[in-house]
Protein backbone atom coordinates (compact mmCIF):
# COMPACT_ATOMS: atom_id res chain seq x y z
CA MET A 1 43.87 33.31 20.49
CA LEU A 2 41.28 32.87 17.74
CA ARG A 3 42.44 34.24 14.38
CA TYR A 4 40.18 35.39 11.56
CA ILE A 5 41.87 34.76 8.23
CA ALA A 6 40.07 36.20 5.22
CA GLU A 7 40.74 36.27 1.49
CA LYS A 8 41.22 39.29 -0.71
CA ASP A 9 39.41 39.65 -4.01
CA VAL A 10 38.83 42.27 -6.69
CA SER A 11 36.27 44.99 -6.00
CA GLN A 12 33.63 46.03 -8.52
CA LYS A 13 35.49 49.23 -9.41
CA GLY A 14 38.93 47.69 -9.06
CA VAL A 15 40.40 50.39 -6.81
CA HIS A 16 40.81 48.65 -3.46
CA PRO A 17 40.40 44.88 -2.94
CA ILE A 18 37.55 43.54 -0.86
CA ILE A 19 37.97 41.20 2.09
CA ARG A 20 35.79 38.07 2.11
CA TYR A 21 35.52 36.13 5.35
CA ARG A 22 34.15 32.61 4.98
CA ILE A 23 32.15 31.57 8.01
CA PRO A 24 33.69 28.29 9.23
CA GLU A 25 31.85 25.08 8.33
CA THR A 26 29.33 26.93 6.13
CA ARG A 27 29.09 28.09 2.52
CA MET A 28 28.38 31.63 3.62
CA SER A 29 30.58 34.68 3.98
CA TYR A 30 30.68 38.36 4.84
CA VAL A 31 32.21 40.79 2.37
CA PHE A 32 34.00 43.89 3.62
CA ILE A 33 34.94 46.95 1.55
CA PHE A 34 37.83 49.32 2.12
CA GLN A 35 37.12 52.50 4.10
CA ARG A 36 40.41 54.05 5.16
CA ARG A 37 43.99 53.32 6.12
CA ASN A 38 45.19 53.92 9.67
CA GLN A 39 48.75 53.85 10.93
CA ARG A 40 48.62 50.21 12.05
CA SER A 41 45.74 48.71 10.09
CA ASP A 42 43.19 49.19 7.34
CA VAL A 43 39.55 49.74 8.19
CA TYR A 44 36.94 47.76 6.27
CA ALA A 45 33.13 47.91 6.52
CA CYS A 46 30.57 45.20 5.83
CA ARG A 47 29.35 45.87 2.30
CA ALA A 48 25.80 44.60 2.79
CA CYS A 49 25.28 46.35 6.13
CA LYS A 50 26.36 49.65 4.63
CA LYS A 51 24.48 49.30 1.34
CA LYS A 52 21.19 47.83 2.57
CA HIS A 53 20.89 49.11 6.14
CA ASN A 54 23.16 52.18 6.27
CA HIS A 55 24.86 50.45 9.16
CA HIS A 56 28.63 50.76 9.58
CA MET A 57 29.91 47.46 10.90
CA VAL A 58 33.69 47.93 10.68
CA VAL A 59 36.71 45.72 11.33
CA ARG A 60 40.47 46.28 11.44
CA VAL A 61 42.50 44.41 8.84
CA VAL A 62 46.21 43.77 8.47
CA GLY A 63 47.13 41.87 5.31
CA ASN A 64 44.44 39.20 5.08
CA GLU A 65 43.86 38.88 8.83
CA ILE A 66 40.87 40.51 10.54
CA TYR A 67 41.54 41.71 14.08
CA ASP A 68 37.88 41.98 15.18
CA ASP A 69 35.20 39.30 15.18
CA PRO A 70 33.89 39.54 11.57
CA CYS A 71 30.62 37.80 12.45
CA LYS A 72 29.37 40.16 15.16
CA ASN A 73 27.15 43.25 15.03
CA HIS A 74 25.75 42.71 11.56
CA LYS A 75 22.31 43.83 10.40
CA CYS A 76 22.62 41.93 7.13
CA CYS A 77 22.56 38.26 6.26
CA PRO A 78 25.75 36.55 5.03
CA ILE A 79 26.01 35.73 1.33
CA ASN A 80 27.08 32.59 -0.48
CA ALA A 81 30.87 32.74 -0.84
CA SER A 82 30.91 30.92 -4.19
CA LEU A 83 28.26 33.24 -5.65
CA ASP A 84 30.29 36.25 -4.60
CA ARG A 85 33.43 34.74 -6.11
CA ALA A 86 31.60 34.04 -9.41
CA ASN A 87 30.53 37.69 -9.60
CA ARG A 88 34.03 38.94 -8.90
CA ILE A 89 35.53 36.79 -11.63
CA MET A 90 33.31 38.75 -14.02
CA TYR A 91 34.27 42.07 -12.40
CA GLU A 92 37.90 41.20 -13.02
CA ALA A 93 37.23 40.29 -16.66
CA CYS A 94 35.43 43.59 -17.29
CA GLN A 95 38.22 45.57 -15.66
CA LYS A 96 40.74 43.82 -17.89
CA ILE A 97 38.72 44.87 -20.95
CA LYS A 98 38.58 48.48 -19.73
CA ASN A 99 42.37 48.52 -19.28
CA THR A 100 43.21 46.78 -22.58
CA ALA A 101 42.00 48.48 -25.75
CA GLU A 102 42.81 45.41 -27.88
CA LEU A 103 40.11 43.43 -26.04
CA ALA A 104 37.35 45.83 -27.14
CA SER A 105 36.92 43.86 -30.37
CA THR A 106 36.33 40.60 -28.51
CA SER A 107 32.72 39.45 -28.80
CA VAL A 108 30.48 39.35 -25.74
CA MET A 109 30.11 35.58 -26.10
CA GLU A 110 33.87 35.08 -26.30
CA VAL A 111 34.41 37.19 -23.16
CA TRP A 112 31.79 35.15 -21.31
CA GLU A 113 33.28 31.82 -22.43
CA ASN A 114 36.83 32.89 -21.51
CA THR A 115 35.65 34.04 -18.10
CA LEU A 116 33.87 30.73 -17.59
CA GLN A 117 37.20 28.98 -18.21
CA VAL A 118 38.70 31.08 -15.41
CA ALA A 119 35.89 29.97 -13.10
CA MET A 120 36.65 26.37 -13.94
CA THR A 121 40.21 26.75 -12.61
CA GLU A 122 39.07 27.73 -9.11
CA GLU A 123 40.82 25.78 -6.38
CA THR A 124 38.16 26.38 -3.73
CA SER A 125 34.58 25.23 -4.36
CA ARG A 126 35.14 25.08 -8.11
CA GLU A 127 31.95 23.19 -8.95
CA GLU A 128 29.80 25.58 -6.93
CA VAL A 129 31.48 28.68 -8.39
CA VAL A 130 30.95 27.36 -11.94
CA ALA A 131 27.33 26.47 -11.12
CA HIS A 132 26.62 30.02 -9.96
CA PHE A 133 28.37 31.40 -13.03
CA TYR A 134 26.23 29.23 -15.32
CA GLN A 135 23.07 29.99 -13.34
CA ARG A 136 23.39 33.71 -13.93
CA GLY A 137 24.06 33.04 -17.62
CA LEU A 138 25.22 35.34 -20.39
CA ALA A 139 22.02 37.40 -20.38
CA THR A 140 22.75 38.86 -16.95
CA ARG A 141 26.39 39.58 -17.82
CA ARG A 142 25.87 41.07 -21.28
CA LYS A 143 25.35 44.70 -20.18
CA SER A 144 28.43 44.66 -17.95
CA ILE A 145 30.60 43.31 -20.77
CA GLN A 146 29.20 45.77 -23.32
CA ARG A 147 29.72 48.64 -20.88
CA ALA A 148 33.37 47.64 -20.45
CA LYS A 149 33.86 47.37 -24.21
CA SER A 150 32.29 50.80 -24.79
CA CYS A 151 35.12 52.47 -22.86
CA HIS A 152 37.19 52.12 -26.03
CA THR A 153 34.54 53.33 -28.45
CA ASP A 154 35.91 55.86 -30.89
CA HIS A 155 33.33 58.65 -30.71
CA SER A 156 34.85 60.28 -33.80
CA ILE A 157 33.16 57.63 -35.96
CA ASN A 158 30.54 59.01 -38.34
CA TRP A 159 28.79 57.91 -41.51
CA SER A 160 31.60 59.03 -43.80
CA CYS A 161 34.52 58.06 -41.56
CA VAL A 162 35.05 54.50 -40.28
CA PRO A 163 38.40 53.94 -38.49
CA GLU A 164 40.54 51.06 -39.70
CA ARG A 165 40.01 49.06 -36.49
CA TYR A 166 36.32 48.74 -37.43
CA ALA A 167 36.82 48.48 -41.19
CA LYS A 168 39.08 45.43 -40.87
CA LEU A 169 38.78 42.09 -39.11
CA SER A 170 41.20 40.97 -36.39
CA ASN A 171 43.26 39.05 -39.00
CA GLY A 172 43.70 42.19 -41.12
CA ALA A 173 41.22 41.18 -43.81
CA ALA A 174 38.74 43.75 -45.09
CA PHE A 175 35.33 43.84 -43.43
CA LEU A 176 34.04 47.17 -44.78
CA GLN A 177 33.87 46.41 -48.51
CA GLU A 178 32.16 49.54 -49.77
CA LEU A 179 31.33 52.95 -48.31
CA THR A 180 29.02 55.42 -50.06
CA PRO A 181 26.91 58.38 -48.89
CA MET A 182 23.89 56.05 -48.89
CA TYR A 183 25.14 52.70 -47.55
CA HIS A 184 27.99 50.69 -46.00
CA LEU A 185 28.64 47.18 -47.24
CA TYR A 186 30.25 44.83 -44.71
CA PHE A 187 31.10 41.17 -45.18
CA SER A 188 33.90 38.67 -44.66
CA ASP A 189 35.34 36.90 -47.69
CA ASP A 190 35.99 33.82 -45.54
CA THR A 191 32.35 33.65 -44.47
CA LEU A 192 31.10 33.81 -48.05
CA ARG A 193 33.63 31.21 -49.20
CA MET A 194 32.63 28.80 -46.43
CA ALA A 195 28.96 29.30 -47.27
CA CYS A 196 29.60 28.53 -50.94
CA GLU A 197 31.61 25.44 -50.10
CA GLN A 198 28.71 24.15 -48.00
CA GLY A 199 26.12 25.05 -50.62
CA ILE A 200 24.58 27.65 -48.32
CA LYS A 201 23.21 30.93 -49.65
CA ALA A 202 24.56 33.87 -47.62
CA LEU A 203 22.22 36.75 -46.80
CA ILE A 204 23.79 40.17 -46.35
CA GLY A 205 21.70 42.55 -44.26
CA TRP A 206 21.84 46.31 -44.68
CA TYR A 207 20.96 49.52 -42.91
CA THR A 208 20.17 52.67 -44.91
CA GLN A 209 20.83 56.03 -43.32
CA ASN A 210 17.76 58.20 -42.95
CA LEU A 211 19.14 61.48 -44.24
CA ALA A 212 17.83 64.59 -42.53
CA GLY A 213 14.83 66.06 -44.29
CA GLU A 214 14.49 63.20 -46.75
CA ASN A 215 11.33 61.87 -45.13
CA GLY A 216 10.02 65.15 -43.82
């Protein structure tokens, strides 16, 4: 009896895992999303068929084994398995940020670089997964990372009140150096010291609040 063994991976919202079936001897796959749980099996539907064609191509799943032919009755085209895996590595990283407040202060670039390191540890098709990750680049991932970070934004922040987590750097050093009704002065002592040691002049930028009524 022919068996269809799939692999589970994180979904975009992180509620139920997806099932990815790699078509034998190809780089392509079908991705199935959770629909419901029956007494003896879970029911999954082809993600692309449902999203692009409003077509419900469903299969029964127990564990990571599909009990119906996962390649029949599709109206969609299969997708590259490594590309899908690269996207889901980023989904997982964003979900981790949403669930861990301490990661909200991590820069977008640092999140992207750390996630790239995860891609480089892939056991299956590592080079292709990393290539797809690089191909999309930081620009296409930036909004997703920023959206995840914004889940921890303290909306109580205002011009006269800056919480300590924003007023200090991750090492505890002061970042907000001066706060007045007209301006905030932010800088890192370490940055200025390094600039002086290298003979570089440091430029501090500023933003002035446009007080209501001041300019008509």
